[in-house]
Amino acid sequence: MTSINYRKLLPNESRIYRAIRLESLEKFPEAFGATYQEALSIEKFRMESDIEEQTPERFVYGAFAQDELVGICTFVKNESNTGSIYQMYVKREFQGKNIGKGLIEAVIAEACRNFNGIEIHSGGCSGNNKAYNLYRKIGFQEVTRTSSEEIRMKYIP
């Protein structure tokens, strides 16, 4: 298996982020809060600007196989000392190799380094058993489940 390198995306990598983000929306529309068609009409995603500006409270980690970006995971810090993991996506041909687990763990480590004592939540796993089970395996526990089956989870180290 190809070795995978996990790191924060650099300012000049906002375009490759955009490409993989659009791919995630096109291939798995039910897993994300936006549609591919809606996203296409957006000239620049907020996270693209955050990557370019290296905003500490909003960052994207990438999983790289050689020089190819094969997965992303986004972190957004809230006003209180809490933050959420969003947009977790691994290209289909790289799924099932624990890359998603590595991405989430790298994001948690970065968030904990930057924000002492931060409370980390998942962005939601409604109807996505694979994501739910992955978050559970990493140490997240369910905190709420809404009537629309939106599941909020919290990381318990």
N, C-alpha and C. Protein backbone atom coordinates (compact mmCIF):
# COMPACT_ATOMS: atom_id res chain seq x y z
N MET A 1 0.83 -1.19 0.00
CA MET A 1 0.00 0.00 0.00
C MET A 1 0.88 1.25 0.00
N THR A 2 0.42 2.25 -0.72
CA THR A 2 1.10 3.55 -0.76
C THR A 2 1.09 4.17 0.63
N SER A 3 2.20 4.81 1.00
CA SER A 3 2.19 5.47 2.31
C SER A 3 1.40 6.78 2.20
N ILE A 4 0.72 7.10 3.29
CA ILE A 4 -0.16 8.27 3.33
C ILE A 4 0.46 9.31 4.26
N ASN A 5 0.49 10.54 3.80
CA ASN A 5 1.01 11.65 4.58
C ASN A 5 -0.16 12.57 4.94
N TYR A 6 -0.29 12.90 6.21
CA TYR A 6 -1.36 13.78 6.68
C TYR A 6 -0.77 15.13 7.06
N ARG A 7 -1.36 16.21 6.53
CA ARG A 7 -0.90 17.54 6.90
C ARG A 7 -1.95 18.58 6.56
N LYS A 8 -1.77 19.76 7.17
CA LYS A 8 -2.64 20.89 6.91
C LYS A 8 -2.38 21.38 5.49
N LEU A 9 -3.46 21.71 4.78
CA LEU A 9 -3.29 22.22 3.42
C LEU A 9 -2.62 23.58 3.45
N LEU A 10 -1.77 23.83 2.47
CA LEU A 10 -1.02 25.07 2.36
C LEU A 10 -1.80 26.09 1.52
N PRO A 11 -1.44 27.39 1.64
CA PRO A 11 -2.19 28.43 0.92
C PRO A 11 -2.36 28.17 -0.59
N ASN A 12 -1.33 27.62 -1.22
CA ASN A 12 -1.41 27.38 -2.67
C ASN A 12 -2.19 26.11 -3.03
N GLU A 13 -2.77 25.44 -2.04
CA GLU A 13 -3.52 24.19 -2.29
C GLU A 13 -5.03 24.37 -2.20
N SER A 14 -5.49 25.62 -2.16
CA SER A 14 -6.94 25.85 -2.06
C SER A 14 -7.69 25.32 -3.29
N ARG A 15 -7.07 25.33 -4.46
CA ARG A 15 -7.72 24.83 -5.68
C ARG A 15 -7.88 23.30 -5.64
N ILE A 16 -6.88 22.60 -5.13
CA ILE A 16 -7.04 21.13 -5.07
C ILE A 16 -8.06 20.76 -3.99
N TYR A 17 -8.16 21.60 -2.94
CA TYR A 17 -9.23 21.40 -1.95
C TYR A 17 -10.58 21.52 -2.65
N ARG A 18 -10.75 22.59 -3.44
CA ARG A 18 -12.02 22.82 -4.13
C ARG A 18 -12.38 21.62 -5.01
N ALA A 19 -11.41 21.09 -5.72
CA ALA A 19 -11.66 19.96 -6.63
C ALA A 19 -12.15 18.73 -5.86
N ILE A 20 -11.49 18.39 -4.76
CA ILE A 20 -11.90 17.19 -4.01
C ILE A 20 -13.21 17.45 -3.26
N ARG A 21 -13.45 18.69 -2.84
CA ARG A 21 -14.72 19.03 -2.18
C ARG A 21 -15.87 18.86 -3.16
N LEU A 22 -15.71 19.34 -4.37
CA LEU A 22 -16.76 19.18 -5.40
C LEU A 22 -16.97 17.70 -5.69
N GLU A 23 -15.89 16.94 -5.77
CA GLU A 23 -16.01 15.49 -6.01
C GLU A 23 -16.83 14.83 -4.90
N SER A 24 -16.58 15.21 -3.65
CA SER A 24 -17.30 14.61 -2.52
C SER A 24 -18.80 14.90 -2.63
N LEU A 25 -19.14 16.12 -3.04
CA LEU A 25 -20.56 16.49 -3.17
C LEU A 25 -21.22 15.78 -4.34
N GLU A 26 -20.47 15.57 -5.40
CA GLU A 26 -21.02 14.90 -6.58
C GLU A 26 -21.23 13.41 -6.31
N LYS A 27 -20.28 12.76 -5.65
CA LYS A 27 -20.35 11.30 -5.46
C LYS A 27 -21.17 10.87 -4.25
N PHE A 28 -21.25 11.73 -3.22
CA PHE A 28 -21.97 11.37 -2.00
C PHE A 28 -22.86 12.53 -1.55
N PRO A 29 -23.83 12.94 -2.37
CA PRO A 29 -24.65 14.12 -2.03
C PRO A 29 -25.42 13.98 -0.72
N GLU A 30 -25.78 12.76 -0.37
CA GLU A 30 -26.57 12.55 0.85
C GLU A 30 -25.75 12.74 2.11
N ALA A 31 -24.44 12.73 2.00
CA ALA A 31 -23.58 12.79 3.18
C ALA A 31 -23.21 14.21 3.61
N PHE A 32 -23.52 15.19 2.78
CA PHE A 32 -23.09 16.55 3.07
C PHE A 32 -24.26 17.51 3.01
N GLY A 33 -24.12 18.67 3.66
CA GLY A 33 -25.20 19.64 3.76
C GLY A 33 -25.35 20.55 2.56
N ALA A 34 -24.67 20.25 1.48
CA ALA A 34 -24.76 21.07 0.26
C ALA A 34 -24.83 20.13 -0.93
N THR A 35 -25.34 20.63 -2.05
CA THR A 35 -25.39 19.80 -3.25
C THR A 35 -24.29 20.23 -4.22
N TYR A 36 -23.95 19.34 -5.11
CA TYR A 36 -22.93 19.59 -6.12
C TYR A 36 -23.32 20.80 -6.97
N GLN A 37 -24.59 20.83 -7.41
CA GLN A 37 -25.05 21.94 -8.27
C GLN A 37 -24.96 23.27 -7.54
N GLU A 38 -25.37 23.31 -6.27
CA GLU A 38 -25.26 24.55 -5.49
C GLU A 38 -23.80 24.98 -5.37
N ALA A 39 -22.94 24.03 -5.08
CA ALA A 39 -21.52 24.32 -4.87
C ALA A 39 -20.85 24.84 -6.14
N LEU A 40 -21.25 24.31 -7.29
CA LEU A 40 -20.65 24.76 -8.55
C LEU A 40 -20.87 26.25 -8.78
N SER A 41 -22.00 26.77 -8.30
CA SER A 41 -22.31 28.19 -8.53
C SER A 41 -21.57 29.12 -7.56
N ILE A 42 -20.90 28.56 -6.57
CA ILE A 42 -20.15 29.38 -5.61
C ILE A 42 -18.75 29.63 -6.17
N GLU A 43 -18.44 30.91 -6.35
CA GLU A 43 -17.16 31.26 -6.97
C GLU A 43 -15.97 30.81 -6.13
N LYS A 44 -16.07 31.04 -4.81
CA LYS A 44 -14.98 30.64 -3.92
C LYS A 44 -15.59 30.19 -2.59
N PHE A 45 -15.27 28.97 -2.17
CA PHE A 45 -15.76 28.47 -0.90
C PHE A 45 -15.08 29.21 0.25
N ARG A 46 -15.78 29.33 1.35
CA ARG A 46 -15.21 29.97 2.54
C ARG A 46 -13.92 29.26 2.96
N MET A 47 -13.90 27.94 2.89
CA MET A 47 -12.71 27.19 3.30
C MET A 47 -11.53 27.46 2.36
N GLU A 48 -11.79 27.77 1.10
CA GLU A 48 -10.68 28.11 0.19
C GLU A 48 -9.96 29.35 0.72
N SER A 49 -10.73 30.36 1.12
CA SER A 49 -10.15 31.58 1.69
C SER A 49 -9.41 31.28 2.99
N ASP A 50 -10.02 30.43 3.82
CA ASP A 50 -9.39 30.06 5.09
C ASP A 50 -8.06 29.35 4.87
N ILE A 51 -7.99 28.50 3.85
CA ILE A 51 -6.74 27.80 3.52
C ILE A 51 -5.69 28.83 3.06
N GLU A 52 -6.10 29.72 2.16
CA GLU A 52 -5.17 30.72 1.62
C GLU A 52 -4.65 31.65 2.73
N GLU A 53 -5.51 31.98 3.68
CA GLU A 53 -5.12 32.90 4.76
C GLU A 53 -4.54 32.17 5.96
N GLN A 54 -4.58 30.82 5.93
CA GLN A 54 -4.11 29.99 7.04
C GLN A 54 -4.78 30.41 8.36
N THR A 55 -6.11 30.54 8.32
CA THR A 55 -6.91 30.91 9.48
C THR A 55 -6.79 29.81 10.54
N PRO A 56 -6.24 30.12 11.73
CA PRO A 56 -6.02 29.06 12.73
C PRO A 56 -7.31 28.39 13.20
N GLU A 57 -8.42 29.12 13.24
CA GLU A 57 -9.68 28.56 13.75
C GLU A 57 -10.46 27.75 12.71
N ARG A 58 -10.01 27.78 11.48
CA ARG A 58 -10.70 27.07 10.39
C ARG A 58 -9.63 26.49 9.47
N PHE A 59 -9.43 25.17 9.53
CA PHE A 59 -8.38 24.58 8.70
C PHE A 59 -8.83 23.27 8.09
N VAL A 60 -8.09 22.86 7.06
CA VAL A 60 -8.36 21.61 6.36
C VAL A 60 -7.09 20.77 6.39
N TYR A 61 -7.25 19.53 6.80
CA TYR A 61 -6.16 18.56 6.71
C TYR A 61 -6.38 17.73 5.46
N GLY A 62 -5.29 17.34 4.86
CA GLY A 62 -5.36 16.50 3.68
C GLY A 62 -4.60 15.20 3.91
N ALA A 63 -5.07 14.17 3.23
CA ALA A 63 -4.35 12.90 3.18
C ALA A 63 -3.76 12.82 1.78
N PHE A 64 -2.45 12.66 1.70
CA PHE A 64 -1.76 12.63 0.41
C PHE A 64 -1.15 11.27 0.18
N ALA A 65 -1.42 10.69 -1.00
CA ALA A 65 -0.75 9.48 -1.47
C ALA A 65 0.23 9.97 -2.52
N GLN A 66 1.51 9.93 -2.21
CA GLN A 66 2.54 10.63 -2.98
C GLN A 66 2.13 12.10 -3.02
N ASP A 67 1.89 12.67 -4.19
CA ASP A 67 1.51 14.09 -4.25
C ASP A 67 0.02 14.29 -4.52
N GLU A 68 -0.74 13.21 -4.51
CA GLU A 68 -2.17 13.32 -4.82
C GLU A 68 -2.98 13.48 -3.54
N LEU A 69 -3.85 14.48 -3.51
CA LEU A 69 -4.76 14.67 -2.39
C LEU A 69 -5.88 13.64 -2.52
N VAL A 70 -5.97 12.72 -1.55
CA VAL A 70 -6.95 11.62 -1.64
C VAL A 70 -8.02 11.70 -0.56
N GLY A 71 -7.87 12.66 0.37
CA GLY A 71 -8.87 12.81 1.43
C GLY A 71 -8.74 14.16 2.09
N ILE A 72 -9.87 14.64 2.64
CA ILE A 72 -9.88 15.91 3.37
C ILE A 72 -10.70 15.78 4.65
N CYS A 73 -10.39 16.64 5.59
CA CYS A 73 -11.15 16.74 6.82
C CYS A 73 -10.99 18.17 7.33
N THR A 74 -12.11 18.83 7.61
CA THR A 74 -12.13 20.24 7.97
C THR A 74 -12.45 20.42 9.45
N PHE A 75 -11.82 21.42 10.06
CA PHE A 75 -12.09 21.77 11.46
C PHE A 75 -12.49 23.23 11.54
N VAL A 76 -13.55 23.51 12.31
CA VAL A 76 -14.00 24.88 12.54
C VAL A 76 -14.19 25.09 14.04
N LYS A 77 -13.48 26.09 14.59
CA LYS A 77 -13.60 26.42 16.01
C LYS A 77 -14.76 27.41 16.18
N ASN A 78 -15.52 27.21 17.23
CA ASN A 78 -16.63 28.11 17.55
C ASN A 78 -16.17 29.16 18.55
N GLU A 79 -17.07 30.09 18.92
CA GLU A 79 -16.72 31.15 19.87
C GLU A 79 -16.26 30.58 21.21
N SER A 80 -17.03 29.66 21.76
CA SER A 80 -16.62 29.02 23.01
C SER A 80 -15.45 28.10 22.67
N ASN A 81 -14.90 27.43 23.64
CA ASN A 81 -13.76 26.55 23.36
C ASN A 81 -14.25 25.18 22.85
N THR A 82 -15.07 25.24 21.79
CA THR A 82 -15.54 24.03 21.13
C THR A 82 -15.24 24.16 19.64
N GLY A 83 -15.22 23.03 18.97
CA GLY A 83 -15.00 23.02 17.53
C GLY A 83 -15.63 21.79 16.93
N SER A 84 -15.81 21.82 15.61
CA SER A 84 -16.45 20.69 14.92
C SER A 84 -15.63 20.23 13.73
N ILE A 85 -15.72 18.93 13.50
CA ILE A 85 -15.10 18.30 12.34
C ILE A 85 -16.19 18.17 11.27
N TYR A 86 -15.86 18.63 10.06
CA TYR A 86 -16.79 18.59 8.93
C TYR A 86 -16.09 18.05 7.69
N GLN A 87 -16.88 17.83 6.66
CA GLN A 87 -16.37 17.54 5.31
C GLN A 87 -15.35 16.40 5.26
N MET A 88 -15.53 15.38 6.09
CA MET A 88 -14.62 14.24 6.06
C MET A 88 -14.93 13.45 4.79
N TYR A 89 -13.92 13.30 3.94
CA TYR A 89 -14.12 12.60 2.68
C TYR A 89 -12.81 11.96 2.24
N VAL A 90 -12.91 10.71 1.80
CA VAL A 90 -11.79 9.99 1.22
C VAL A 90 -12.25 9.45 -0.14
N LYS A 91 -11.42 9.65 -1.16
CA LYS A 91 -11.76 9.16 -2.49
C LYS A 91 -12.07 7.67 -2.43
N ARG A 92 -13.04 7.27 -3.23
CA ARG A 92 -13.55 5.90 -3.20
C ARG A 92 -12.45 4.84 -3.28
N GLU A 93 -11.49 5.01 -4.19
CA GLU A 93 -10.46 3.99 -4.37
C GLU A 93 -9.49 3.91 -3.19
N PHE A 94 -9.56 4.87 -2.26
CA PHE A 94 -8.70 4.86 -1.08
C PHE A 94 -9.47 4.53 0.19
N GLN A 95 -10.78 4.30 0.07
CA GLN A 95 -11.59 3.98 1.25
C GLN A 95 -11.27 2.56 1.74
N GLY A 96 -11.54 2.33 3.03
CA GLY A 96 -11.30 1.00 3.61
C GLY A 96 -9.85 0.76 3.98
N LYS A 97 -9.03 1.82 4.00
CA LYS A 97 -7.61 1.68 4.32
C LYS A 97 -7.24 2.50 5.57
N ASN A 98 -8.23 2.84 6.38
CA ASN A 98 -8.04 3.62 7.62
C ASN A 98 -7.53 5.04 7.39
N ILE A 99 -7.68 5.56 6.17
CA ILE A 99 -7.25 6.93 5.87
C ILE A 99 -8.16 7.93 6.57
N GLY A 100 -9.47 7.68 6.58
CA GLY A 100 -10.41 8.56 7.26
C GLY A 100 -10.08 8.65 8.74
N LYS A 101 -9.76 7.52 9.34
CA LYS A 101 -9.39 7.48 10.76
C LYS A 101 -8.13 8.32 11.00
N GLY A 102 -7.14 8.15 10.12
CA GLY A 102 -5.91 8.93 10.24
C GLY A 102 -6.16 10.43 10.09
N LEU A 103 -7.05 10.80 9.17
CA LEU A 103 -7.39 12.21 8.96
C LEU A 103 -8.03 12.81 10.20
N ILE A 104 -9.03 12.14 10.72
CA ILE A 104 -9.74 12.65 11.89
C ILE A 104 -8.79 12.76 13.09
N GLU A 105 -7.96 11.75 13.28
CA GLU A 105 -7.00 11.80 14.39
C GLU A 105 -6.00 12.94 14.22
N ALA A 106 -5.56 13.20 12.98
CA ALA A 106 -4.63 14.31 12.72
C ALA A 106 -5.30 15.65 13.00
N VAL A 107 -6.57 15.78 12.63
CA VAL A 107 -7.32 17.02 12.88
C VAL A 107 -7.49 17.23 14.39
N ILE A 108 -7.84 16.17 15.11
CA ILE A 108 -7.99 16.26 16.57
C ILE A 108 -6.67 16.70 17.20
N ALA A 109 -5.56 16.11 16.78
CA ALA A 109 -4.25 16.45 17.33
C ALA A 109 -3.92 17.92 17.06
N GLU A 110 -4.18 18.39 15.86
CA GLU A 110 -3.91 19.80 15.49
C GLU A 110 -4.78 20.74 16.32
N ALA A 111 -6.06 20.43 16.44
CA ALA A 111 -6.98 21.28 17.21
C ALA A 111 -6.55 21.34 18.68
N CYS A 112 -6.14 20.21 19.24
CA CYS A 112 -5.72 20.16 20.65
C CYS A 112 -4.41 20.92 20.85
N ARG A 113 -3.52 20.89 19.85
CA ARG A 113 -2.27 21.66 19.93
C ARG A 113 -2.56 23.16 19.92
N ASN A 114 -3.50 23.57 19.07
CA ASN A 114 -3.80 25.00 18.89
C ASN A 114 -4.70 25.58 19.98
N PHE A 115 -5.59 24.76 20.53
CA PHE A 115 -6.60 25.27 21.46
C PHE A 115 -6.66 24.36 22.68
N ASN A 116 -5.99 24.77 23.73
CA ASN A 116 -5.89 23.98 24.95
C ASN A 116 -7.27 23.66 25.52
N GLY A 117 -7.53 22.38 25.77
CA GLY A 117 -8.77 21.95 26.40
C GLY A 117 -10.01 22.06 25.52
N ILE A 118 -9.83 22.13 24.22
CA ILE A 118 -10.99 22.29 23.32
C ILE A 118 -11.87 21.05 23.34
N GLU A 119 -13.17 21.27 23.23
CA GLU A 119 -14.16 20.19 23.13
C GLU A 119 -14.48 20.02 21.65
N ILE A 120 -14.33 18.80 21.13
CA ILE A 120 -14.48 18.55 19.70
C ILE A 120 -15.72 17.72 19.41
N HIS A 121 -16.50 18.18 18.43
CA HIS A 121 -17.72 17.50 18.02
C HIS A 121 -17.60 17.08 16.56
N SER A 122 -18.40 16.10 16.19
CA SER A 122 -18.49 15.74 14.77
C SER A 122 -19.58 16.60 14.15
N GLY A 123 -19.48 16.83 12.86
CA GLY A 123 -20.45 17.67 12.17
C GLY A 123 -21.80 17.01 11.97
N GLY A 124 -21.92 15.77 12.28
CA GLY A 124 -23.20 15.06 12.12
C GLY A 124 -23.05 13.85 11.23
N CYS A 125 -23.80 12.81 11.52
CA CYS A 125 -23.68 11.55 10.79
C CYS A 125 -25.06 11.03 10.41
N SER A 126 -25.96 11.89 10.00
CA SER A 126 -27.33 11.43 9.74
C SER A 126 -27.35 10.39 8.62
N GLY A 127 -27.82 9.21 8.95
CA GLY A 127 -27.99 8.14 7.96
C GLY A 127 -26.70 7.59 7.39
N ASN A 128 -25.56 7.93 7.96
CA ASN A 128 -24.29 7.45 7.42
C ASN A 128 -23.63 6.54 8.47
N ASN A 129 -23.98 5.25 8.40
CA ASN A 129 -23.48 4.30 9.39
C ASN A 129 -21.96 4.15 9.37
N LYS A 130 -21.36 4.24 8.16
CA LYS A 130 -19.90 4.12 8.06
C LYS A 130 -19.23 5.25 8.86
N ALA A 131 -19.72 6.47 8.67
CA ALA A 131 -19.15 7.63 9.39
C ALA A 131 -19.40 7.49 10.88
N TYR A 132 -20.62 7.12 11.25
CA TYR A 132 -20.97 6.96 12.67
C TYR A 132 -20.02 5.96 13.34
N ASN A 133 -19.84 4.80 12.71
CA ASN A 133 -18.98 3.77 13.29
C ASN A 133 -17.53 4.20 13.36
N LEU A 134 -17.08 4.96 12.35
CA LEU A 134 -15.71 5.48 12.35
C LEU A 134 -15.50 6.43 13.53
N TYR A 135 -16.42 7.37 13.70
CA TYR A 135 -16.30 8.31 14.83
C TYR A 135 -16.32 7.57 16.17
N ARG A 136 -17.18 6.56 16.29
CA ARG A 136 -17.23 5.76 17.53
C ARG A 136 -15.87 5.09 17.80
N LYS A 137 -15.28 4.52 16.75
CA LYS A 137 -14.01 3.81 16.86
C LYS A 137 -12.89 4.75 17.36
N ILE A 138 -12.97 6.02 16.97
CA ILE A 138 -11.95 7.00 17.33
C ILE A 138 -12.14 7.51 18.77
N GLY A 139 -13.35 7.40 19.31
CA GLY A 139 -13.59 7.84 20.68
C GLY A 139 -14.70 8.87 20.83
N PHE A 140 -15.49 9.07 19.77
CA PHE A 140 -16.63 9.98 19.87
C PHE A 140 -17.81 9.24 20.48
N GLN A 141 -18.60 9.98 21.26
CA GLN A 141 -19.82 9.41 21.83
C GLN A 141 -21.00 10.27 21.43
N GLU A 142 -22.13 9.61 21.21
CA GLU A 142 -23.35 10.31 20.81
C GLU A 142 -23.83 11.24 21.92
N VAL A 143 -24.13 12.50 21.58
CA VAL A 143 -24.67 13.43 22.58
C VAL A 143 -26.12 13.78 22.30
N THR A 144 -26.48 13.95 21.04
CA THR A 144 -27.88 14.23 20.70
C THR A 144 -28.25 13.58 19.38
N ARG A 145 -29.55 13.33 19.25
CA ARG A 145 -30.10 12.80 18.00
C ARG A 145 -31.40 13.56 17.80
N THR A 146 -31.48 14.32 16.69
CA THR A 146 -32.66 15.14 16.44
C THR A 146 -33.74 14.33 15.74
N SER A 147 -34.89 14.93 15.59
CA SER A 147 -36.00 14.25 14.93
C SER A 147 -35.68 13.95 13.46
N SER A 148 -34.79 14.75 12.85
CA SER A 148 -34.41 14.49 11.46
C SER A 148 -33.26 13.49 11.37
N GLU A 149 -32.99 12.80 12.48
CA GLU A 149 -31.94 11.78 12.56
C GLU A 149 -30.53 12.35 12.44
N GLU A 150 -30.38 13.64 12.67
CA GLU A 150 -29.05 14.24 12.74
C GLU A 150 -28.42 13.82 14.06
N ILE A 151 -27.23 13.25 13.99
CA ILE A 151 -26.55 12.75 15.19
C ILE A 151 -25.36 13.65 15.48
N ARG A 152 -25.32 14.21 16.68
CA ARG A 152 -24.17 15.00 17.13
C ARG A 152 -23.35 14.12 18.06
N MET A 153 -22.04 14.15 17.85
CA MET A 153 -21.15 13.33 18.67
C MET A 153 -20.05 14.22 19.23
N LYS A 154 -19.51 13.79 20.39
CA LYS A 154 -18.46 14.54 21.06
C LYS A 154 -17.28 13.61 21.27
N TYR A 155 -16.08 14.14 21.04
CA TYR A 155 -14.86 13.37 21.23
C TYR A 155 -14.54 13.29 22.72
N ILE A 156 -14.37 12.08 23.21
CA ILE A 156 -14.02 11.83 24.61
C ILE A 156 -12.65 11.16 24.60
N PRO A 157 -11.58 11.94 24.87
CA PRO A 157 -10.23 11.35 24.81
C PRO A 157 -10.00 10.30 25.89
